[in-house]
Amino acid sequence: MISCLTAEKEILTTIYHQILDNHLSTFDKTISDLSGKIVNATMTVFLGIALSPQFMPTSKKFHYQFNLRDFSKVVQNINLAQPGHYKGQPDLIIRLWAHECMRVWYDRLIFEED
């Protein structure tokens, strides 16, 4: 049996911030300044879901298994964004982030209360 602990919040924030910051450095300053906020917001959503008893797997919700892979998917797909499409429009990057969070986490929920 192998067990791996999840890294601490500060370490994860540092790792993902560097990844996203590197990609967004080619964007406008208003957008590149958002990298820390995007990572912090993603971390908040991830921890809210991953640590909540409401989202623990059950017989009906057996696919509710949230882990760092989900966090990585959000960052990975934001890294696919091209600077030309978002020039001078930081709200579009925020909409992209919201869309990725919805795609990664919300689309897996099966009950309205979740």
PDB file of N, CA and C in Angstrom:
ATOM      1  N   MET A   1       0.844  -1.171   0.000  1.00  0.00           N
ATOM      2  CA  MET A   1       0.000   0.000   0.000  1.00  0.00           C
ATOM      3  C   MET A   1       0.893   1.239   0.000  1.00  0.00           C
ATOM      4  N   ILE A   2       0.549   2.166  -0.848  1.00  0.00           N
ATOM      5  CA  ILE A   2       1.294   3.415  -0.940  1.00  0.00           C
ATOM      6  C   ILE A   2       0.353   4.550  -0.584  1.00  0.00           C
ATOM      7  N   SER A   3       0.842   5.468   0.201  1.00  0.00           N
ATOM      8  CA  SER A   3       0.043   6.612   0.597  1.00  0.00           C
ATOM      9  C   SER A   3       0.848   7.884   0.347  1.00  0.00           C
ATOM     10  N   CYS A   4       0.209   8.840  -0.288  1.00  0.00           N
ATOM     11  CA  CYS A   4       0.843  10.136  -0.538  1.00  0.00           C
ATOM     12  C   CYS A   4      -0.049  11.222   0.038  1.00  0.00           C
ATOM     13  N   LEU A   5       0.546  12.083   0.799  1.00  0.00           N
ATOM     14  CA  LEU A   5      -0.199  13.193   1.363  1.00  0.00           C
ATOM     15  C   LEU A   5      -0.246  14.342   0.359  1.00  0.00           C
ATOM     16  N   THR A   6      -1.308  15.097   0.410  1.00  0.00           N
ATOM     17  CA  THR A   6      -1.416  16.284  -0.435  1.00  0.00           C
ATOM     18  C   THR A   6      -0.503  17.351   0.134  1.00  0.00           C
ATOM     19  N   ALA A   7       0.185  18.043  -0.738  1.00  0.00           N
ATOM     20  CA  ALA A   7       1.081  19.109  -0.303  1.00  0.00           C
ATOM     21  C   ALA A   7       0.288  20.212   0.388  1.00  0.00           C
ATOM     22  N   GLU A   8       0.993  20.993   1.196  1.00  0.00           N
ATOM     23  CA  GLU A   8       0.340  22.075   1.914  1.00  0.00           C
ATOM     24  C   GLU A   8      -0.140  23.163   0.951  1.00  0.00           C
ATOM     25  N   LYS A   9      -1.099  23.928   1.414  1.00  0.00           N
ATOM     26  CA  LYS A   9      -1.729  24.971   0.594  1.00  0.00           C
ATOM     27  C   LYS A   9      -0.703  25.966   0.048  1.00  0.00           C
ATOM     28  N   GLU A  10       0.255  26.379   0.877  1.00  0.00           N
ATOM     29  CA  GLU A  10       1.250  27.358   0.455  1.00  0.00           C
ATOM     30  C   GLU A  10       2.145  26.804  -0.650  1.00  0.00           C
ATOM     31  N   ILE A  11       2.499  25.537  -0.553  1.00  0.00           N
ATOM     32  CA  ILE A  11       3.351  24.917  -1.569  1.00  0.00           C
ATOM     33  C   ILE A  11       2.600  24.815  -2.890  1.00  0.00           C
ATOM     34  N   LEU A  12       1.357  24.368  -2.825  1.00  0.00           N
ATOM     35  CA  LEU A  12       0.551  24.266  -4.040  1.00  0.00           C
ATOM     36  C   LEU A  12       0.331  25.628  -4.675  1.00  0.00           C
ATOM     37  N   THR A  13       0.066  26.608  -3.856  1.00  0.00           N
ATOM     38  CA  THR A  13      -0.138  27.957  -4.371  1.00  0.00           C
ATOM     39  C   THR A  13       1.119  28.452  -5.078  1.00  0.00           C
ATOM     40  N   THR A  14       2.266  28.211  -4.495  1.00  0.00           N
ATOM     41  CA  THR A  14       3.530  28.620  -5.109  1.00  0.00           C
ATOM     42  C   THR A  14       3.750  27.927  -6.444  1.00  0.00           C
ATOM     43  N   ILE A  15       3.523  26.631  -6.491  1.00  0.00           N
ATOM     44  CA  ILE A  15       3.741  25.853  -7.715  1.00  0.00           C
ATOM     45  C   ILE A  15       2.823  26.345  -8.830  1.00  0.00           C
ATOM     46  N   TYR A  16       1.534  26.394  -8.551  1.00  0.00           N
ATOM     47  CA  TYR A  16       0.580  26.775  -9.592  1.00  0.00           C
ATOM     48  C   TYR A  16       0.697  28.251  -9.959  1.00  0.00           C
ATOM     49  N   HIS A  17       1.070  29.084  -9.005  1.00  0.00           N
ATOM     50  CA  HIS A  17       1.265  30.498  -9.311  1.00  0.00           C
ATOM     51  C   HIS A  17       2.428  30.663 -10.285  1.00  0.00           C
ATOM     52  N   GLN A  18       3.509  29.935 -10.082  1.00  0.00           N
ATOM     53  CA  GLN A  18       4.648  30.034 -11.000  1.00  0.00           C
ATOM     54  C   GLN A  18       4.280  29.554 -12.403  1.00  0.00           C
ATOM     55  N   ILE A  19       3.524  28.475 -12.475  1.00  0.00           N
ATOM     56  CA  ILE A  19       3.107  27.947 -13.776  1.00  0.00           C
ATOM     57  C   ILE A  19       2.226  28.963 -14.498  1.00  0.00           C
ATOM     58  N   LEU A  20       1.211  29.462 -13.817  1.00  0.00           N
ATOM     59  CA  LEU A  20       0.277  30.393 -14.438  1.00  0.00           C
ATOM     60  C   LEU A  20       0.929  31.750 -14.696  1.00  0.00           C
ATOM     61  N   ASP A  21       1.751  32.196 -13.776  1.00  0.00           N
ATOM     62  CA  ASP A  21       2.436  33.478 -13.929  1.00  0.00           C
ATOM     63  C   ASP A  21       3.348  33.462 -15.149  1.00  0.00           C
ATOM     64  N   ASN A  22       4.020  32.354 -15.381  1.00  0.00           N
ATOM     65  CA  ASN A  22       4.893  32.233 -16.534  1.00  0.00           C
ATOM     66  C   ASN A  22       4.092  32.349 -17.838  1.00  0.00           C
ATOM     67  N   HIS A  23       2.957  31.678 -17.882  1.00  0.00           N
ATOM     68  CA  HIS A  23       2.142  31.740 -19.105  1.00  0.00           C
ATOM     69  C   HIS A  23       1.532  33.127 -19.298  1.00  0.00           C
ATOM     70  N   LEU A  24       0.989  33.691 -18.246  1.00  0.00           N
ATOM     71  CA  LEU A  24       0.309  34.980 -18.367  1.00  0.00           C
ATOM     72  C   LEU A  24       1.270  36.151 -18.511  1.00  0.00           C
ATOM     73  N   SER A  25       2.568  35.913 -18.377  1.00  0.00           N
ATOM     74  CA  SER A  25       3.539  36.997 -18.532  1.00  0.00           C
ATOM     75  C   SER A  25       3.566  37.530 -19.965  1.00  0.00           C
ATOM     76  N   THR A  26       3.064  36.751 -20.917  1.00  0.00           N
ATOM     77  CA  THR A  26       3.014  37.194 -22.317  1.00  0.00           C
ATOM     78  C   THR A  26       1.746  38.001 -22.612  1.00  0.00           C
ATOM     79  N   PHE A  27       0.854  38.105 -21.644  1.00  0.00           N
ATOM     80  CA  PHE A  27      -0.399  38.841 -21.802  1.00  0.00           C
ATOM     81  C   PHE A  27      -0.198  40.296 -21.353  1.00  0.00           C
ATOM     82  N   ASP A  28      -1.248  41.100 -21.507  1.00  0.00           N
ATOM     83  CA  ASP A  28      -1.227  42.471 -21.001  1.00  0.00           C
ATOM     84  C   ASP A  28      -0.967  42.466 -19.502  1.00  0.00           C
ATOM     85  N   LYS A  29      -0.465  43.592 -18.994  1.00  0.00           N
ATOM     86  CA  LYS A  29      -0.162  43.710 -17.562  1.00  0.00           C
ATOM     87  C   LYS A  29      -1.414  43.499 -16.714  1.00  0.00           C
ATOM     88  N   THR A  30      -2.560  43.987 -17.165  1.00  0.00           N
ATOM     89  CA  THR A  30      -3.783  43.831 -16.372  1.00  0.00           C
ATOM     90  C   THR A  30      -4.157  42.359 -16.222  1.00  0.00           C
ATOM     91  N   ILE A  31      -3.835  41.570 -17.222  1.00  0.00           N
ATOM     92  CA  ILE A  31      -4.154  40.147 -17.168  1.00  0.00           C
ATOM     93  C   ILE A  31      -3.070  39.388 -16.424  1.00  0.00           C
ATOM     94  N   SER A  32      -1.818  39.718 -16.671  1.00  0.00           N
ATOM     95  CA  SER A  32      -0.734  38.994 -15.989  1.00  0.00           C
ATOM     96  C   SER A  32      -0.769  39.217 -14.482  1.00  0.00           C
ATOM     97  N   ASP A  33      -1.292  40.359 -14.053  1.00  0.00           N
ATOM     98  CA  ASP A  33      -1.416  40.625 -12.612  1.00  0.00           C
ATOM     99  C   ASP A  33      -2.478  39.754 -11.947  1.00  0.00           C
ATOM    100  N   LEU A  34      -3.320  39.114 -12.726  1.00  0.00           N
ATOM    101  CA  LEU A  34      -4.398  38.287 -12.170  1.00  0.00           C
ATOM    102  C   LEU A  34      -3.949  36.873 -11.798  1.00  0.00           C
ATOM    103  N   SER A  35      -2.745  36.480 -12.143  1.00  0.00           N
ATOM    104  CA  SER A  35      -2.343  35.084 -11.939  1.00  0.00           C
ATOM    105  C   SER A  35      -2.456  34.655 -10.475  1.00  0.00           C
ATOM    106  N   GLY A  36      -2.006  35.491  -9.557  1.00  0.00           N
ATOM    107  CA  GLY A  36      -2.110  35.147  -8.140  1.00  0.00           C
ATOM    108  C   GLY A  36      -3.543  35.036  -7.672  1.00  0.00           C
ATOM    109  N   LYS A  37      -4.386  35.938  -8.149  1.00  0.00           N
ATOM    110  CA  LYS A  37      -5.799  35.910  -7.764  1.00  0.00           C
ATOM    111  C   LYS A  37      -6.499  34.681  -8.336  1.00  0.00           C
ATOM    112  N   ILE A  38      -6.142  34.310  -9.549  1.00  0.00           N
ATOM    113  CA  ILE A  38      -6.746  33.115 -10.159  1.00  0.00           C
ATOM    114  C   ILE A  38      -6.348  31.870  -9.390  1.00  0.00           C
ATOM    115  N   VAL A  39      -5.081  31.766  -9.034  1.00  0.00           N
ATOM    116  CA  VAL A  39      -4.620  30.587  -8.278  1.00  0.00           C
ATOM    117  C   VAL A  39      -5.278  30.550  -6.903  1.00  0.00           C
ATOM    118  N   ASN A  40      -5.365  31.684  -6.224  1.00  0.00           N
ATOM    119  CA  ASN A  40      -6.001  31.715  -4.900  1.00  0.00           C
ATOM    120  C   ASN A  40      -7.486  31.366  -4.984  1.00  0.00           C
ATOM    121  N   ALA A  41      -8.164  31.868  -6.000  1.00  0.00           N
ATOM    122  CA  ALA A  41      -9.583  31.557  -6.163  1.00  0.00           C
ATOM    123  C   ALA A  41      -9.774  30.079  -6.477  1.00  0.00           C
ATOM    124  N   THR A  42      -8.911  29.524  -7.311  1.00  0.00           N
ATOM    125  CA  THR A  42      -8.991  28.099  -7.634  1.00  0.00           C
ATOM    126  C   THR A  42      -8.728  27.259  -6.399  1.00  0.00           C
ATOM    127  N   MET A  43      -7.765  27.676  -5.587  1.00  0.00           N
ATOM    128  CA  MET A  43      -7.459  26.956  -4.349  1.00  0.00           C
ATOM    129  C   MET A  43      -8.653  26.995  -3.403  1.00  0.00           C
ATOM    130  N   THR A  44      -9.324  28.116  -3.320  1.00  0.00           N
ATOM    131  CA  THR A  44     -10.501  28.242  -2.458  1.00  0.00           C
ATOM    132  C   THR A  44     -11.612  27.297  -2.908  1.00  0.00           C
ATOM    133  N   VAL A  45     -11.858  27.262  -4.207  1.00  0.00           N
ATOM    134  CA  VAL A  45     -12.888  26.364  -4.732  1.00  0.00           C
ATOM    135  C   VAL A  45     -12.484  24.908  -4.499  1.00  0.00           C
ATOM    136  N   PHE A  46     -11.238  24.589  -4.804  1.00  0.00           N
ATOM    137  CA  PHE A  46     -10.752  23.215  -4.643  1.00  0.00           C
ATOM    138  C   PHE A  46     -10.873  22.752  -3.193  1.00  0.00           C
ATOM    139  N   LEU A  47     -10.393  23.548  -2.255  1.00  0.00           N
ATOM    140  CA  LEU A  47     -10.463  23.153  -0.849  1.00  0.00           C
ATOM    141  C   LEU A  47     -11.900  23.096  -0.348  1.00  0.00           C
ATOM    142  N   GLY A  48     -12.742  23.991  -0.846  1.00  0.00           N
ATOM    143  CA  GLY A  48     -14.151  23.974  -0.464  1.00  0.00           C
ATOM    144  C   GLY A  48     -14.850  22.696  -0.891  1.00  0.00           C
ATOM    145  N   ILE A  49     -14.432  22.152  -2.020  1.00  0.00           N
ATOM    146  CA  ILE A  49     -15.037  20.920  -2.517  1.00  0.00           C
ATOM    147  C   ILE A  49     -14.339  19.691  -1.939  1.00  0.00           C
ATOM    148  N   ALA A  50     -13.028  19.686  -1.973  1.00  0.00           N
ATOM    149  CA  ALA A  50     -12.269  18.498  -1.570  1.00  0.00           C
ATOM    150  C   ALA A  50     -12.385  18.195  -0.075  1.00  0.00           C
ATOM    151  N   LEU A  51     -12.555  19.215   0.746  1.00  0.00           N
ATOM    152  CA  LEU A  51     -12.602  19.004   2.189  1.00  0.00           C
ATOM    153  C   LEU A  51     -14.009  18.979   2.759  1.00  0.00           C
ATOM    154  N   SER A  52     -15.003  19.204   1.938  1.00  0.00           N
ATOM    155  CA  SER A  52     -16.380  19.265   2.409  1.00  0.00           C
ATOM    156  C   SER A  52     -16.980  17.863   2.525  1.00  0.00           C
ATOM    157  N   PRO A  53     -17.615  17.558   3.653  1.00  0.00           N
ATOM    158  CA  PRO A  53     -18.281  16.254   3.787  1.00  0.00           C
ATOM    159  C   PRO A  53     -19.427  16.086   2.789  1.00  0.00           C
ATOM    160  N   GLN A  54     -19.976  17.188   2.321  1.00  0.00           N
ATOM    161  CA  GLN A  54     -21.072  17.146   1.350  1.00  0.00           C
ATOM    162  C   GLN A  54     -20.627  16.512   0.032  1.00  0.00           C
ATOM    163  N   PHE A  55     -19.348  16.620  -0.283  1.00  0.00           N
ATOM    164  CA  PHE A  55     -18.850  16.129  -1.561  1.00  0.00           C
ATOM    165  C   PHE A  55     -18.019  14.853  -1.423  1.00  0.00           C
ATOM    166  N   MET A  56     -18.215  14.139  -0.347  1.00  0.00           N
ATOM    167  CA  MET A  56     -17.532  12.860  -0.178  1.00  0.00           C
ATOM    168  C   MET A  56     -18.263  11.795  -1.001  1.00  0.00           C
ATOM    169  N   PRO A  57     -17.529  10.823  -1.527  1.00  0.00           N
ATOM    170  CA  PRO A  57     -18.170   9.773  -2.327  1.00  0.00           C
ATOM    171  C   PRO A  57     -19.146   8.936  -1.493  1.00  0.00           C
ATOM    172  N   THR A  58     -20.288   8.630  -2.073  1.00  0.00           N
ATOM    173  CA  THR A  58     -21.275   7.734  -1.475  1.00  0.00           C
ATOM    174  C   THR A  58     -21.713   6.762  -2.569  1.00  0.00           C
ATOM    175  N   SER A  59     -22.675   5.916  -2.261  1.00  0.00           N
ATOM    176  CA  SER A  59     -23.134   4.967  -3.280  1.00  0.00           C
ATOM    177  C   SER A  59     -23.792   5.683  -4.462  1.00  0.00           C
ATOM    178  N   LYS A  60     -24.486   6.784  -4.203  1.00  0.00           N
ATOM    179  CA  LYS A  60     -25.092   7.544  -5.292  1.00  0.00           C
ATOM    180  C   LYS A  60     -24.107   8.508  -5.938  1.00  0.00           C
ATOM    181  N   LYS A  61     -23.128   8.958  -5.155  1.00  0.00           N
ATOM    182  CA  LYS A  61     -22.153   9.931  -5.641  1.00  0.00           C
ATOM    183  C   LYS A  61     -20.759   9.306  -5.678  1.00  0.00           C
ATOM    184  N   PHE A  62     -20.640   8.123  -6.209  1.00  0.00           N
ATOM    185  CA  PHE A  62     -19.362   7.414  -6.212  1.00  0.00           C
ATOM    186  C   PHE A  62     -18.295   8.126  -7.038  1.00  0.00           C
ATOM    187  N   HIS A  63     -18.700   8.953  -7.970  1.00  0.00           N
ATOM    188  CA  HIS A  63     -17.737   9.671  -8.811  1.00  0.00           C
ATOM    189  C   HIS A  63     -17.292  11.001  -8.192  1.00  0.00           C
ATOM    190  N   TYR A  64     -17.744  11.306  -6.993  1.00  0.00           N
ATOM    191  CA  TYR A  64     -17.318  12.522  -6.305  1.00  0.00           C
ATOM    192  C   TYR A  64     -15.952  12.279  -5.671  1.00  0.00           C
ATOM    193  N   GLN A  65     -14.971  12.171  -6.472  1.00  0.00           N
ATOM    194  CA  GLN A  65     -13.609  12.000  -5.989  1.00  0.00           C
ATOM    195  C   GLN A  65     -12.786  13.139  -6.563  1.00  0.00           C
ATOM    196  N   PHE A  66     -12.630  14.168  -5.757  1.00  0.00           N
ATOM    197  CA  PHE A  66     -11.958  15.378  -6.197  1.00  0.00           C
ATOM    198  C   PHE A  66     -10.538  15.386  -5.652  1.00  0.00           C
ATOM    199  N   ASN A  67      -9.581  15.702  -6.515  1.00  0.00           N
ATOM    200  CA  ASN A  67      -8.182  15.709  -6.094  1.00  0.00           C
ATOM    201  C   ASN A  67      -7.421  16.790  -6.857  1.00  0.00           C
ATOM    202  N   LEU A  68      -6.110  16.807  -6.688  1.00  0.00           N
ATOM    203  CA  LEU A  68      -5.290  17.831  -7.322  1.00  0.00           C
ATOM    204  C   LEU A  68      -5.322  17.776  -8.848  1.00  0.00           C
ATOM    205  N   ARG A  69      -5.706  16.662  -9.372  1.00  0.00           N
ATOM    206  CA  ARG A  69      -5.809  16.557 -10.823  1.00  0.00           C
ATOM    207  C   ARG A  69      -6.844  17.562 -11.353  1.00  0.00           C
ATOM    208  N   ASP A  70      -7.907  17.753 -10.596  1.00  0.00           N
ATOM    209  CA  ASP A  70      -8.931  18.715 -10.985  1.00  0.00           C
ATOM    210  C   ASP A  70      -8.377  20.141 -10.957  1.00  0.00           C
ATOM    211  N   PHE A  71      -7.628  20.445  -9.921  1.00  0.00           N
ATOM    212  CA  PHE A  71      -6.982  21.761  -9.814  1.00  0.00           C
ATOM    213  C   PHE A  71      -6.057  21.970 -11.015  1.00  0.00           C
ATOM    214  N   SER A  72      -5.302  20.950 -11.337  1.00  0.00           N
ATOM    215  CA  SER A  72      -4.364  21.030 -12.457  1.00  0.00           C
ATOM    216  C   SER A  72      -5.073  21.247 -13.786  1.00  0.00           C
ATOM    217  N   LYS A  73      -6.246  20.635 -13.943  1.00  0.00           N
ATOM    218  CA  LYS A  73      -6.999  20.796 -15.191  1.00  0.00           C
ATOM    219  C   LYS A  73      -7.407  22.249 -15.405  1.00  0.00           C
ATOM    220  N   VAL A  74      -7.802  22.917 -14.344  1.00  0.00           N
ATOM    221  CA  VAL A  74      -8.197  24.318 -14.457  1.00  0.00           C
ATOM    222  C   VAL A  74      -7.007  25.156 -14.925  1.00  0.00           C
ATOM    223  N   VAL A  75      -5.873  24.984 -14.249  1.00  0.00           N
ATOM    224  CA  VAL A  75      -4.678  25.753 -14.599  1.00  0.00           C
ATOM    225  C   VAL A  75      -4.189  25.379 -16.004  1.00  0.00           C
ATOM    226  N   GLN A  76      -4.207  24.100 -16.308  1.00  0.00           N
ATOM    227  CA  GLN A  76      -3.749  23.634 -17.612  1.00  0.00           C
ATOM    228  C   GLN A  76      -4.564  24.257 -18.743  1.00  0.00           C
ATOM    229  N   ASN A  77      -5.856  24.314 -18.582  1.00  0.00           N
ATOM    230  CA  ASN A  77      -6.699  24.847 -19.648  1.00  0.00           C
ATOM    231  C   ASN A  77      -6.629  26.369 -19.748  1.00  0.00           C
ATOM    232  N   ILE A  78      -6.350  27.044 -18.653  1.00  0.00           N
ATOM    233  CA  ILE A  78      -6.101  28.488 -18.743  1.00  0.00           C
ATOM    234  C   ILE A  78      -4.789  28.726 -19.489  1.00  0.00           C
ATOM    235  N   ASN A  79      -3.850  27.804 -19.335  1.00  0.00           N
ATOM    236  CA  ASN A  79      -2.574  27.920 -20.040  1.00  0.00           C
ATOM    237  C   ASN A  79      -2.718  27.733 -21.550  1.00  0.00           C
ATOM    238  N   LEU A  80      -3.851  27.280 -22.011  1.00  0.00           N
ATOM    239  CA  LEU A  80      -4.084  27.149 -23.442  1.00  0.00           C
ATOM    240  C   LEU A  80      -4.554  28.461 -24.077  1.00  0.00           C
ATOM    241  N   ALA A  81      -4.868  29.442 -23.233  1.00  0.00           N
ATOM    242  CA  ALA A  81      -5.347  30.733 -23.728  1.00  0.00           C
ATOM    243  C   ALA A  81      -4.235  31.451 -24.494  1.00  0.00           C
ATOM    244  N   GLN A  82      -4.618  32.132 -25.549  1.00  0.00           N
ATOM    245  CA  GLN A  82      -3.681  32.883 -26.379  1.00  0.00           C
ATOM    246  C   GLN A  82      -3.814  34.383 -26.089  1.00  0.00           C
ATOM    247  N   PRO A  83      -2.703  35.093 -25.965  1.00  0.00           N
ATOM    248  CA  PRO A  83      -2.754  36.517 -25.595  1.00  0.00           C
ATOM    249  C   PRO A  83      -3.590  37.379 -26.540  1.00  0.00           C
ATOM    250  N   GLY A  84      -3.596  37.068 -27.815  1.00  0.00           N
ATOM    251  CA  GLY A  84      -4.326  37.891 -28.776  1.00  0.00           C
ATOM    252  C   GLY A  84      -5.820  37.943 -28.550  1.00  0.00           C
ATOM    253  N   HIS A  85      -6.387  36.885 -28.013  1.00  0.00           N
ATOM    254  CA  HIS A  85      -7.832  36.832 -27.796  1.00  0.00           C
ATOM    255  C   HIS A  85      -8.286  37.617 -26.575  1.00  0.00           C
ATOM    256  N   TYR A  86      -7.355  37.940 -25.688  1.00  0.00           N
ATOM    257  CA  TYR A  86      -7.726  38.556 -24.410  1.00  0.00           C
ATOM    258  C   TYR A  86      -7.126  39.948 -24.232  1.00  0.00           C
ATOM    259  N   LYS A  87      -6.597  40.509 -25.300  1.00  0.00           N
ATOM    260  CA  LYS A  87      -5.886  41.786 -25.238  1.00  0.00           C
ATOM    261  C   LYS A  87      -6.773  42.884 -24.639  1.00  0.00           C
ATOM    262  N   GLY A  88      -6.347  43.407 -23.492  1.00  0.00           N
ATOM    263  CA  GLY A  88      -7.063  44.496 -22.844  1.00  0.00           C
ATOM    264  C   GLY A  88      -8.406  44.121 -22.259  1.00  0.00           C
ATOM    265  N   GLN A  89      -8.680  42.833 -22.106  1.00  0.00           N
ATOM    266  CA  GLN A  89      -9.971  42.389 -21.582  1.00  0.00           C
ATOM    267  C   GLN A  89      -9.774  41.372 -20.457  1.00  0.00           C
ATOM    268  N   PRO A  90      -9.383  41.830 -19.279  1.00  0.00           N
ATOM    269  CA  PRO A  90      -9.158  40.902 -18.164  1.00  0.00           C
ATOM    270  C   PRO A  90     -10.423  40.154 -17.747  1.00  0.00           C
ATOM    271  N   ASP A  91     -11.584  40.748 -18.017  1.00  0.00           N
ATOM    272  CA  ASP A  91     -12.825  40.067 -17.658  1.00  0.00           C
ATOM    273  C   ASP A  91     -13.001  38.764 -18.446  1.00  0.00           C
ATOM    274  N   LEU A  92     -12.419  38.678 -19.631  1.00  0.00           N
ATOM    275  CA  LEU A  92     -12.521  37.442 -20.410  1.00  0.00           C
ATOM    276  C   LEU A  92     -11.697  36.313 -19.795  1.00  0.00           C
ATOM    277  N   ILE A  93     -10.556  36.641 -19.206  1.00  0.00           N
ATOM    278  CA  ILE A  93      -9.754  35.617 -18.519  1.00  0.00           C
ATOM    279  C   ILE A  93     -10.505  35.140 -17.285  1.00  0.00           C
ATOM    280  N   ILE A  94     -11.168  36.039 -16.608  1.00  0.00           N
ATOM    281  CA  ILE A  94     -11.961  35.661 -15.431  1.00  0.00           C
ATOM    282  C   ILE A  94     -13.123  34.767 -15.855  1.00  0.00           C
ATOM    283  N   ARG A  95     -13.742  35.089 -16.970  1.00  0.00           N
ATOM    284  CA  ARG A  95     -14.821  34.239 -17.492  1.00  0.00           C
ATOM    285  C   ARG A  95     -14.283  32.867 -17.895  1.00  0.00           C
ATOM    286  N   LEU A  96     -13.085  32.841 -18.469  1.00  0.00           N
ATOM    287  CA  LEU A  96     -12.452  31.563 -18.817  1.00  0.00           C
ATOM    288  C   LEU A  96     -12.222  30.732 -17.566  1.00  0.00           C
ATOM    289  N   TRP A  97     -11.712  31.375 -16.501  1.00  0.00           N
ATOM    290  CA  TRP A  97     -11.489  30.670 -15.245  1.00  0.00           C
ATOM    291  C   TRP A  97     -12.807  30.104 -14.702  1.00  0.00           C
ATOM    292  N   ALA A  98     -13.854  30.909 -14.704  1.00  0.00           N
ATOM    293  CA  ALA A  98     -15.158  30.451 -14.211  1.00  0.00           C
ATOM    294  C   ALA A  98     -15.672  29.287 -15.053  1.00  0.00           C
ATOM    295  N   HIS A  99     -15.495  29.385 -16.350  1.00  0.00           N
ATOM    296  CA  HIS A  99     -15.918  28.294 -17.240  1.00  0.00           C
ATOM    297  C   HIS A  99     -15.160  27.009 -16.932  1.00  0.00           C
ATOM    298  N   GLU A 100     -13.866  27.110 -16.721  1.00  0.00           N
ATOM    299  CA  GLU A 100     -13.064  25.919 -16.420  1.00  0.00           C
ATOM    300  C   GLU A 100     -13.460  25.313 -15.077  1.00  0.00           C
ATOM    301  N   CYS A 101     -13.738  26.143 -14.092  1.00  0.00           N
ATOM    302  CA  CYS A 101     -14.199  25.624 -12.793  1.00  0.00           C
ATOM    303  C   CYS A 101     -15.536  24.908 -12.947  1.00  0.00           C
ATOM    304  N   MET A 102     -16.424  25.485 -13.726  1.00  0.00           N
ATOM    305  CA  MET A 102     -17.718  24.853 -13.965  1.00  0.00           C
ATOM    306  C   MET A 102     -17.528  23.523 -14.690  1.00  0.00           C
ATOM    307  N   ARG A 103     -16.657  23.516 -15.685  1.00  0.00           N
ATOM    308  CA  ARG A 103     -16.424  22.306 -16.479  1.00  0.00           C
ATOM    309  C   ARG A 103     -15.787  21.202 -15.633  1.00  0.00           C
ATOM    310  N   VAL A 104     -14.844  21.561 -14.785  1.00  0.00           N
ATOM    311  CA  VAL A 104     -14.110  20.566 -14.010  1.00  0.00           C
ATOM    312  C   VAL A 104     -14.909  20.072 -12.810  1.00  0.00           C
ATOM    313  N   TRP A 105     -15.562  20.969 -12.083  1.00  0.00           N
ATOM    314  CA  TRP A 105     -16.223  20.559 -10.845  1.00  0.00           C
ATOM    315  C   TRP A 105     -17.747  20.513 -10.971  1.00  0.00           C
ATOM    316  N   TYR A 106     -18.351  21.577 -11.401  1.00  0.00           N
ATOM    317  CA  TYR A 106     -19.811  21.672 -11.403  1.00  0.00           C
ATOM    318  C   TYR A 106     -20.461  20.614 -12.294  1.00  0.00           C
ATOM    319  N   ASP A 107     -19.876  20.338 -13.438  1.00  0.00           N
ATOM    320  CA  ASP A 107     -20.471  19.376 -14.365  1.00  0.00           C
ATOM    321  C   ASP A 107     -20.521  17.960 -13.803  1.00  0.00           C
ATOM    322  N   ARG A 108     -19.758  17.693 -12.756  1.00  0.00           N
ATOM    323  CA  ARG A 108     -19.764  16.356 -12.161  1.00  0.00           C
ATOM    324  C   ARG A 108     -20.814  16.207 -11.070  1.00  0.00           C
ATOM    325  N   LEU A 109     -21.391  17.303 -10.627  1.00  0.00           N
ATOM    326  CA  LEU A 109     -22.388  17.246  -9.551  1.00  0.00           C
ATOM    327  C   LEU A 109     -23.716  16.763 -10.109  1.00  0.00           C
ATOM    328  N   ILE A 110     -24.405  15.943  -9.317  1.00  0.00           N
ATOM    329  CA  ILE A 110     -25.645  15.345  -9.822  1.00  0.00           C
ATOM    330  C   ILE A 110     -26.901  15.825  -9.082  1.00  0.00           C
ATOM    331  N   PHE A 111     -26.731  16.423  -7.917  1.00  0.00           N
ATOM    332  CA  PHE A 111     -27.873  16.894  -7.139  1.00  0.00           C
ATOM    333  C   PHE A 111     -27.908  18.409  -7.104  1.00  0.00           C
ATOM    334  N   GLU A 112     -29.092  18.973  -7.171  1.00  0.00           N
ATOM    335  CA  GLU A 112     -29.255  20.432  -7.176  1.00  0.00           C
ATOM    336  C   GLU A 112     -28.656  21.064  -5.930  1.00  0.00           C
ATOM    337  N   GLU A 113     -28.809  20.433  -4.768  1.00  0.00           N
ATOM    338  CA  GLU A 113     -28.281  21.009  -3.536  1.00  0.00           C
ATOM    339  C   GLU A 113     -26.759  21.025  -3.508  1.00  0.00           C
ATOM    340  N   ASP A 114     -26.129  20.161  -4.261  1.00  0.00           N
ATOM    341  CA  ASP A 114     -24.657  20.166  -4.317  1.00  0.00           C
ATOM    342  C   ASP A 114     -24.189  21.373  -5.111  1.00  0.00           C
TER     343      ASP A 114
END
